Amino acid sequence: MIRINVCILTSARFPPEEGIGNFVYNMSKKLMEKGHSITVVTRGSYRTIVDHYEGIRVIKVRFMPLYPFHVHIHGIFIYRLLKKIGHEFDLIHVHTPLVPVVYPAALPVISTVHTSMIEDAKHTEIVDLKSLLSILITRPITYPLVFRLMEVSRAITTVSYSVADEIRRYYGFEDVIVVRNGVDERRFVPAGRKDGEQYVLCVGRLSYRKGLFDVIETAKIVCSRHDIKFLVVGKGELEGKLKEKIAAGGLEGKVVLLGHVDPGQLVRLYQNATIFLMPSHYEGLPTTLLEAAACGLPIVATAVSGNIEVIASGENGILVPPKSPAGMSDAISRLLEDEPLRKRLGAEARMTIESDFTWDRISEKILKCYRSLLKQEDIRETMEVPPIPVIKG
């Protein structure tokens, strides 16, 4: 086996807290298990520091949050770093969005697009000035960054067929390889017995297009029918507004924002949950959905891109229309009243993960891309976009 020295460039926090950070972490660990060398380069603060996290070298490069030009300014410091240490690597693997395009010409670049910023902006709720600005800058500032990244990449990969289709439609790049997202099926496992009271669990960043205001409206309906709580894990810019909505709806104690929790506590929250709710208005392919499925949870998810590539409604979960608190509350009530259905859907969800979404499978696809790049082979794959499933119930 030839050892590959990989520089992974991302804007995600490290140690990981969510989404892309978890993808980078899990992929890095699996590639290191297979004998390869990984360095993660991400955002720092006022100075650049070199750290290690579970054996992964992490370089947190100086970052100045001067919105909306923060990515361009960060690129200056990334360029200086790679000019010094670029010779250590065989290739650069970039995880977008919001990364600068400054790579040594001698190194092959592979990019993984986790979400289409244009499609993302379409589903962003305008609830404050920041959300409005994020929409307004997508075309003039964010779009050119992502386009340029794909232009300099030898290979473009993504986590879902829906995002691959968006890359074709919005950016005009046809050769996109779908590697999927993954989950550690050995850590996220079903509980033998559930402890404590019943609750519906939501996990994800408290951010726009995540459908979190829909969760509060859903909780109003469900909690009027059943004695159950809604627990929301994650942090983000909407925390204050969500607290206001919870208080205004008289749902204190019924909808509880837990903030960021440590990995061990997160696993226990999944294992002891009654139902997992994925209320997003748009997704690439969400890690939290895979984690819940790996833990054998019955899932209610919105029928949006990403979710529909994991959940077949009525088979391993229930799909409902997005922005539909009534639809979500009916599905949750149906599951609360039918324990055999909960068990069947949860067991099927676990089988879906074991079949298609383990990190062993994902890392092998990524390594195939790496090896082909280094040998300068053609790595294009023919993809068939699966039909959108029919929403049942």
Protein backbone atom coordinates (compact mmCIF):
# COMPACT_ATOMS: atom_id res chain seq x y z
CA MET A 1 0.00 0.00 0.00
CA ILE A 2 1.27 3.46 -0.91
CA ARG A 3 0.91 6.03 1.87
CA ILE A 4 -0.94 9.16 0.70
CA ASN A 5 -0.27 12.47 2.43
CA VAL A 6 -3.48 14.50 2.36
CA CYS A 7 -4.14 18.13 3.24
CA ILE A 8 -7.82 18.60 4.05
CA LEU A 9 -8.99 22.20 3.80
CA THR A 10 -12.27 23.15 5.44
CA SER A 11 -14.04 26.06 7.13
CA ALA A 12 -15.58 23.79 9.77
CA ARG A 13 -14.71 23.94 13.46
CA PHE A 14 -12.23 21.36 14.68
CA PRO A 15 -12.67 19.46 16.98
CA PRO A 16 -15.93 18.92 15.11
CA GLU A 17 -19.27 20.15 16.34
CA GLU A 18 -21.57 19.43 13.40
CA GLY A 19 -22.04 18.61 9.72
CA ILE A 20 -18.95 19.09 7.60
CA GLY A 21 -16.66 18.98 10.63
CA ASN A 22 -17.97 15.53 11.52
CA PHE A 23 -17.52 14.36 7.93
CA VAL A 24 -13.89 15.55 7.90
CA TYR A 25 -13.20 14.01 11.31
CA ASN A 26 -14.66 10.58 10.53
CA MET A 27 -13.10 10.44 7.09
CA SER A 28 -9.71 11.43 8.52
CA LYS A 29 -9.85 8.77 11.23
CA LYS A 30 -10.79 6.05 8.75
CA LEU A 31 -8.07 7.06 6.27
CA MET A 32 -5.51 7.08 9.08
CA GLU A 33 -6.64 3.59 10.08
CA LYS A 34 -5.80 2.55 6.53
CA GLY A 35 -2.27 3.92 6.88
CA HIS A 36 -2.52 7.39 5.30
CA SER A 37 -1.38 10.76 6.68
CA ILE A 38 -3.91 13.53 7.30
CA THR A 39 -3.51 17.23 8.07
CA VAL A 40 -6.66 19.30 8.58
CA VAL A 41 -6.36 23.02 7.81
CA THR A 42 -9.21 25.16 9.08
CA ARG A 43 -10.06 28.54 10.59
CA GLY A 44 -8.30 29.77 13.68
CA SER A 45 -8.53 33.09 15.47
CA TYR A 46 -6.07 36.00 15.62
CA ARG A 47 -3.00 33.79 15.04
CA THR A 48 -2.13 30.49 13.40
CA ILE A 49 -1.62 27.51 15.72
CA VAL A 50 -0.70 23.86 15.15
CA ASP A 51 -2.58 21.33 17.27
CA HIS A 52 -3.43 17.63 17.33
CA TYR A 53 -6.79 15.99 17.88
CA GLU A 54 -6.98 12.21 18.29
CA GLY A 55 -3.84 11.81 16.21
CA ILE A 56 -4.92 14.21 13.45
CA ARG A 57 -2.63 17.18 12.86
CA VAL A 58 -4.80 20.30 12.86
CA ILE A 59 -3.56 23.68 11.65
CA LYS A 60 -5.88 26.52 12.63
CA VAL A 61 -4.97 29.37 10.32
CA ARG A 62 -5.38 33.01 11.27
CA PHE A 63 -8.94 34.14 10.58
CA MET A 64 -10.46 37.64 10.57
CA PRO A 65 -14.29 37.67 10.62
CA LEU A 66 -14.69 40.72 8.35
CA TYR A 67 -17.98 39.67 6.75
CA PRO A 68 -18.62 39.31 3.78
CA PHE A 69 -14.94 39.27 2.70
CA HIS A 70 -13.77 36.94 5.47
CA VAL A 71 -13.14 34.03 3.08
CA HIS A 72 -10.99 36.12 0.73
CA ILE A 73 -8.93 37.53 3.61
CA HIS A 74 -8.53 34.05 5.11
CA GLY A 75 -7.19 32.94 1.73
CA ILE A 76 -4.15 35.21 2.13
CA PHE A 77 -3.07 33.31 5.24
CA ILE A 78 -3.92 29.91 3.74
CA TYR A 79 -1.75 30.76 0.72
CA ARG A 80 1.20 31.69 2.95
CA LEU A 81 0.86 28.44 4.88
CA LEU A 82 0.67 26.21 1.79
CA LYS A 83 3.63 28.02 0.24
CA LYS A 84 5.68 26.88 3.25
CA ILE A 85 4.42 23.34 3.77
CA GLY A 86 2.74 22.38 0.48
CA HIS A 87 5.67 20.08 -0.37
CA GLU A 88 4.57 17.77 2.49
CA PHE A 89 1.39 16.71 0.67
CA ASP A 90 0.43 14.56 -2.29
CA LEU A 91 -2.95 16.25 -2.82
CA ILE A 92 -5.40 18.74 -1.33
CA HIS A 93 -8.95 17.75 -0.50
CA VAL A 94 -11.23 20.78 -0.12
CA HIS A 95 -14.59 20.68 1.63
CA THR A 96 -16.78 23.57 0.54
CA PRO A 97 -18.66 25.87 1.16
CA LEU A 98 -16.80 28.96 2.34
CA VAL A 99 -13.18 28.02 1.67
CA PRO A 100 -10.66 30.17 -0.22
CA VAL A 101 -9.24 29.12 -3.60
CA VAL A 102 -5.46 29.33 -3.13
CA TYR A 103 -3.70 26.06 -3.91
CA PRO A 104 -0.18 25.27 -5.16
CA ALA A 105 -0.43 24.53 -8.88
CA ALA A 106 1.74 21.43 -8.50
CA LEU A 107 -0.74 19.65 -6.22
CA PRO A 108 -3.90 17.97 -7.51
CA VAL A 109 -7.09 19.26 -5.90
CA ILE A 110 -10.21 17.24 -5.17
CA SER A 111 -13.27 19.10 -3.90
CA THR A 112 -16.26 17.79 -1.99
CA VAL A 113 -19.32 20.03 -2.28
CA HIS A 114 -21.57 19.47 0.74
CA THR A 115 -24.28 21.92 -0.25
CA SER A 116 -25.15 24.12 -3.18
CA MET A 117 -25.00 27.68 -1.87
CA ILE A 118 -27.55 28.85 -4.43
CA GLU A 119 -30.09 26.22 -3.45
CA ASP A 120 -29.26 26.84 0.19
CA ALA A 121 -30.03 30.55 -0.20
CA LYS A 122 -33.40 29.76 -1.80
CA HIS A 123 -34.50 28.03 1.40
CA THR A 124 -33.08 30.50 3.93
CA GLU A 125 -35.73 32.19 6.06
CA ILE A 126 -35.32 35.96 6.29
CA VAL A 127 -35.61 36.55 10.02
CA ASP A 128 -32.84 39.11 10.60
CA LEU A 129 -30.20 41.21 8.85
CA LYS A 130 -27.65 38.38 8.72
CA SER A 131 -30.04 36.03 6.94
CA LEU A 132 -30.89 38.76 4.42
CA LEU A 133 -27.21 39.49 3.77
CA SER A 134 -26.40 35.80 3.31
CA ILE A 135 -28.96 35.67 0.50
CA LEU A 136 -27.86 38.93 -1.12
CA ILE A 137 -24.16 37.97 -1.31
CA THR A 138 -24.68 34.47 -2.71
CA ARG A 139 -24.51 35.42 -6.39
CA PRO A 140 -21.89 38.20 -6.35
CA ILE A 141 -19.51 36.77 -3.72
CA THR A 142 -20.17 33.15 -2.75
CA TYR A 143 -21.02 31.78 -6.20
CA PRO A 144 -17.68 32.86 -7.78
CA LEU A 145 -15.75 31.22 -4.92
CA VAL A 146 -17.46 27.87 -5.39
CA PHE A 147 -17.23 28.10 -9.20
CA ARG A 148 -13.51 28.84 -9.08
CA LEU A 149 -12.94 25.95 -6.68
CA MET A 150 -14.60 23.50 -9.04
CA GLU A 151 -12.73 25.01 -11.97
CA VAL A 152 -9.32 24.24 -10.41
CA SER A 153 -10.35 20.80 -9.11
CA ARG A 154 -9.18 17.66 -10.87
CA ALA A 155 -12.19 15.87 -9.39
CA ILE A 156 -15.51 17.10 -7.99
CA THR A 157 -17.32 14.95 -5.47
CA THR A 158 -20.42 15.47 -3.40
CA VAL A 159 -22.44 13.79 -0.69
CA SER A 160 -25.73 13.27 -2.52
CA TYR A 161 -27.29 12.89 -5.96
CA SER A 162 -29.43 15.97 -5.38
CA VAL A 163 -26.38 18.19 -4.79
CA ALA A 164 -24.71 16.64 -7.86
CA ASP A 165 -27.72 17.69 -9.89
CA GLU A 166 -27.56 21.21 -8.45
CA ILE A 167 -23.87 21.47 -9.39
CA ARG A 168 -24.79 20.62 -12.98
CA ARG A 169 -27.70 23.05 -13.11
CA TYR A 170 -26.14 26.04 -11.36
CA TYR A 171 -22.43 25.70 -12.19
CA GLY A 172 -22.38 23.68 -15.41
CA PHE A 173 -19.98 20.94 -14.25
CA GLU A 174 -21.15 17.54 -15.48
CA ASP A 175 -18.55 15.12 -14.08
CA VAL A 176 -19.54 14.88 -10.43
CA ILE A 177 -18.82 11.79 -8.33
CA VAL A 178 -21.24 10.95 -5.53
CA VAL A 179 -19.39 9.48 -2.53
CA ARG A 180 -22.22 9.93 -0.01
CA ASN A 181 -21.96 10.80 3.67
CA GLY A 182 -21.20 8.24 6.36
CA VAL A 183 -21.67 7.33 9.99
CA ASP A 184 -19.71 5.32 12.55
CA GLU A 185 -22.08 2.38 12.89
CA ARG A 186 -19.97 0.92 15.72
CA ARG A 187 -20.49 3.96 17.97
CA PHE A 188 -24.02 4.91 16.96
CA VAL A 189 -25.88 1.73 17.84
CA PRO A 190 -29.42 0.99 19.07
CA ALA A 191 -29.92 0.83 22.83
CA GLY A 192 -30.94 -2.50 24.34
CA ARG A 193 -33.43 -0.70 26.58
CA LYS A 194 -34.55 2.92 26.67
CA ASP A 195 -34.30 4.87 29.92
CA GLY A 196 -36.37 7.77 31.21
CA GLU A 197 -39.27 9.72 29.74
CA GLN A 198 -40.32 9.83 26.12
CA TYR A 199 -39.03 12.63 23.89
CA VAL A 200 -38.77 13.66 20.26
CA LEU A 201 -35.17 14.51 19.35
CA CYS A 202 -33.87 17.09 16.86
CA VAL A 203 -30.13 17.54 16.25
CA GLY A 204 -28.49 20.19 14.10
CA ARG A 205 -27.26 23.73 13.88
CA LEU A 206 -29.75 26.35 15.06
CA SER A 207 -29.60 28.07 11.72
CA TYR A 208 -31.67 29.13 8.75
CA ARG A 209 -33.43 26.58 6.51
CA LYS A 210 -33.28 23.95 9.27
CA GLY A 211 -37.04 24.19 9.91
CA LEU A 212 -36.65 24.94 13.61
CA PHE A 213 -39.60 27.31 13.85
CA ASP A 214 -41.67 24.46 12.37
CA VAL A 215 -40.50 22.28 15.27
CA ILE A 216 -42.02 24.72 17.76
CA GLU A 217 -45.34 24.76 15.89
CA THR A 218 -45.26 20.97 15.68
CA ALA A 219 -44.60 20.72 19.41
CA LYS A 220 -47.66 22.88 20.14
CA ILE A 221 -49.85 20.34 18.36
CA VAL A 222 -48.17 17.16 19.58
CA CYS A 223 -47.88 18.26 23.21
CA SER A 224 -51.61 19.03 23.26
CA ARG A 225 -52.24 15.37 22.34
CA HIS A 226 -49.44 13.50 24.13
CA ASP A 227 -47.30 13.78 27.25
CA ILE A 228 -43.93 14.17 25.56
CA LYS A 229 -41.04 16.61 25.27
CA PHE A 230 -39.03 17.91 22.30
CA LEU A 231 -35.27 18.08 22.87
CA VAL A 232 -33.19 20.15 20.43
CA VAL A 233 -29.41 19.67 20.32
CA GLY A 234 -27.18 22.26 18.65
CA LYS A 235 -26.19 25.88 18.76
CA GLY A 236 -26.33 28.73 16.28
CA GLU A 237 -27.52 32.18 15.41
CA LEU A 238 -31.24 31.45 15.89
CA GLU A 239 -30.98 30.42 19.53
CA GLY A 240 -32.31 33.71 20.90
CA LYS A 241 -35.25 33.86 18.50
CA LEU A 242 -36.14 30.25 19.20
CA LYS A 243 -36.18 30.90 22.94
CA GLU A 244 -38.53 33.82 22.35
CA LYS A 245 -40.86 31.64 20.26
CA ILE A 246 -40.83 28.89 22.89
CA ALA A 247 -41.73 31.37 25.63
CA ALA A 248 -44.42 33.05 23.52
CA GLY A 249 -45.99 29.66 22.82
CA GLY A 250 -46.02 28.64 26.48
CA LEU A 251 -43.76 25.68 25.70
CA GLU A 252 -41.08 26.10 28.38
CA GLY A 253 -40.25 22.63 29.66
CA LYS A 254 -41.83 21.08 26.59
CA VAL A 255 -39.33 22.30 23.99
CA VAL A 256 -35.85 22.29 25.50
CA LEU A 257 -32.74 23.69 23.78
CA LEU A 258 -29.78 21.67 25.03
CA GLY A 259 -27.06 23.51 23.10
CA HIS A 260 -23.93 21.65 22.06
CA VAL A 261 -23.41 18.35 23.89
CA ASP A 262 -20.35 16.11 24.10
CA PRO A 263 -20.17 13.06 21.80
CA GLY A 264 -20.95 10.53 24.52
CA GLN A 265 -24.05 12.41 25.64
CA LEU A 266 -25.19 12.77 22.04
CA VAL A 267 -25.11 9.00 21.52
CA ARG A 268 -27.15 8.48 24.70
CA LEU A 269 -29.69 11.08 23.58
CA TYR A 270 -30.15 9.24 20.28
CA GLN A 271 -30.40 5.85 21.96
CA ASN A 272 -33.04 6.93 24.47
CA ALA A 273 -35.15 9.04 22.09
CA THR A 274 -38.62 7.88 21.12
CA ILE A 275 -38.63 9.52 17.68
CA PHE A 276 -36.14 11.52 15.64
CA LEU A 277 -37.43 14.58 13.77
CA MET A 278 -35.60 16.06 10.76
CA PRO A 279 -37.54 19.24 9.87
CA SER A 280 -35.15 20.89 7.35
CA HIS A 281 -36.26 22.90 4.32
CA TYR A 282 -33.09 21.89 2.46
CA GLU A 283 -30.22 19.44 3.05
CA GLY A 284 -27.19 18.01 1.29
CA LEU A 285 -27.07 14.67 3.10
CA PRO A 286 -27.33 15.32 6.84
CA THR A 287 -25.03 13.50 9.25
CA THR A 288 -27.60 13.68 12.04
CA LEU A 289 -30.14 11.76 9.96
CA LEU A 290 -27.60 8.96 9.48
CA GLU A 291 -26.71 8.96 13.18
CA ALA A 292 -30.36 8.63 14.17
CA ALA A 293 -30.90 5.83 11.67
CA ALA A 294 -27.78 4.01 12.92
CA CYS A 295 -29.25 4.14 16.44
CA GLY A 296 -32.39 2.43 15.16
CA LEU A 297 -34.72 5.38 15.69
CA PRO A 298 -38.07 5.76 13.93
CA ILE A 299 -37.59 8.90 11.83
CA VAL A 300 -39.94 11.63 10.65
CA ALA A 301 -38.16 13.72 8.00
CA THR A 302 -39.12 16.33 5.46
CA ALA A 303 -39.14 15.15 1.85
CA VAL A 304 -36.28 17.37 0.70
CA SER A 305 -33.01 16.73 -1.12
CA GLY A 306 -30.67 14.53 0.88
CA ASN A 307 -33.35 13.18 3.21
CA ILE A 308 -35.12 11.39 0.36
CA GLU A 309 -31.91 9.54 -0.51
CA VAL A 310 -31.92 7.88 2.92
CA ILE A 311 -35.58 7.55 3.86
CA ALA A 312 -38.14 5.57 1.88
CA SER A 313 -41.44 6.61 3.40
CA GLY A 314 -43.26 3.78 5.12
CA GLU A 315 -40.23 1.49 4.85
CA ASN A 316 -37.48 2.91 7.07
CA GLY A 317 -39.08 6.17 8.21
CA ILE A 318 -41.86 8.61 7.36
CA LEU A 319 -41.47 11.50 4.91
CA VAL A 320 -43.65 14.60 5.20
CA PRO A 321 -43.82 17.79 3.14
CA PRO A 322 -41.44 20.56 4.26
CA LYS A 323 -42.81 23.56 6.16
CA SER A 324 -45.72 21.43 7.39
CA PRO A 325 -46.09 21.34 11.18
CA ALA A 326 -49.46 19.63 10.68
CA GLY A 327 -47.85 16.87 8.62
CA MET A 328 -45.02 16.41 11.12
CA SER A 329 -47.37 16.34 14.11
CA ASP A 330 -49.64 13.74 12.46
CA ALA A 331 -46.67 11.51 11.67
CA ILE A 332 -45.27 11.84 15.20
CA SER A 333 -48.68 11.10 16.74
CA ARG A 334 -49.05 8.06 14.51
CA LEU A 335 -45.71 6.70 15.71
CA LEU A 336 -46.42 7.46 19.37
CA GLU A 337 -49.62 5.46 19.12
CA ASP A 338 -48.09 2.49 17.26
CA GLU A 339 -45.09 0.89 19.01
CA PRO A 340 -44.75 -2.02 16.52
CA LEU A 341 -44.48 0.53 13.70
CA ARG A 342 -41.79 2.43 15.61
CA LYS A 343 -39.78 -0.75 16.10
CA ARG A 344 -40.12 -1.85 12.49
CA LEU A 345 -39.11 1.49 11.01
CA GLY A 346 -36.20 1.80 13.44
CA ALA A 347 -34.88 -1.66 12.59
CA GLU A 348 -35.11 -0.95 8.85
CA ALA A 349 -33.33 2.39 9.32
CA ARG A 350 -30.43 0.60 11.00
CA MET A 351 -30.24 -1.91 8.13
CA THR A 352 -30.09 0.99 5.63
CA ILE A 353 -27.01 2.35 7.38
CA GLU A 354 -25.25 -1.01 7.52
CA SER A 355 -25.90 -1.51 3.82
CA ASP A 356 -24.96 1.88 2.35
CA PHE A 357 -23.60 4.49 4.75
CA THR A 358 -20.67 3.13 6.76
CA TRP A 359 -17.33 4.95 6.77
CA ASP A 360 -15.62 1.84 5.43
CA ARG A 361 -17.67 2.17 2.24
CA ILE A 362 -17.28 5.95 1.97
CA SER A 363 -13.52 5.96 2.63
CA GLU A 364 -12.93 3.33 -0.07
CA LYS A 365 -14.70 5.54 -2.62
CA ILE A 366 -12.61 8.52 -1.56
CA LEU A 367 -9.38 6.50 -1.73
CA LYS A 368 -10.30 5.37 -5.22
CA CYS A 369 -10.55 9.03 -6.21
CA TYR A 370 -7.20 9.83 -4.56
CA ARG A 371 -5.38 6.97 -6.28
CA SER A 372 -6.85 7.81 -9.67
CA LEU A 373 -5.82 11.45 -9.30
CA LEU A 374 -2.28 10.57 -8.39
CA LYS A 375 -2.06 8.18 -11.34
CA GLN A 376 -3.74 10.82 -13.55
CA GLU A 377 -6.45 8.34 -14.53
CA ASP A 378 -9.97 9.20 -15.62
CA ILE A 379 -12.19 8.85 -12.53
CA ARG A 380 -15.49 9.89 -14.03
CA GLU A 381 -18.42 7.70 -13.07
CA THR A 382 -21.84 7.45 -14.69
CA MET A 383 -24.51 8.43 -12.20
CA GLU A 384 -28.20 7.78 -12.28
CA VAL A 385 -30.26 10.15 -10.18
CA PRO A 386 -32.89 8.08 -8.37
CA PRO A 387 -36.54 9.14 -8.71
CA ILE A 388 -38.05 11.19 -5.91
CA PRO A 389 -39.95 8.74 -3.70
CA VAL A 390 -43.69 8.99 -3.19
CA ILE A 391 -44.59 10.46 0.19
CA LYS A 392 -46.75 8.05 2.17
CA GLY A 393 -48.74 8.98 5.20
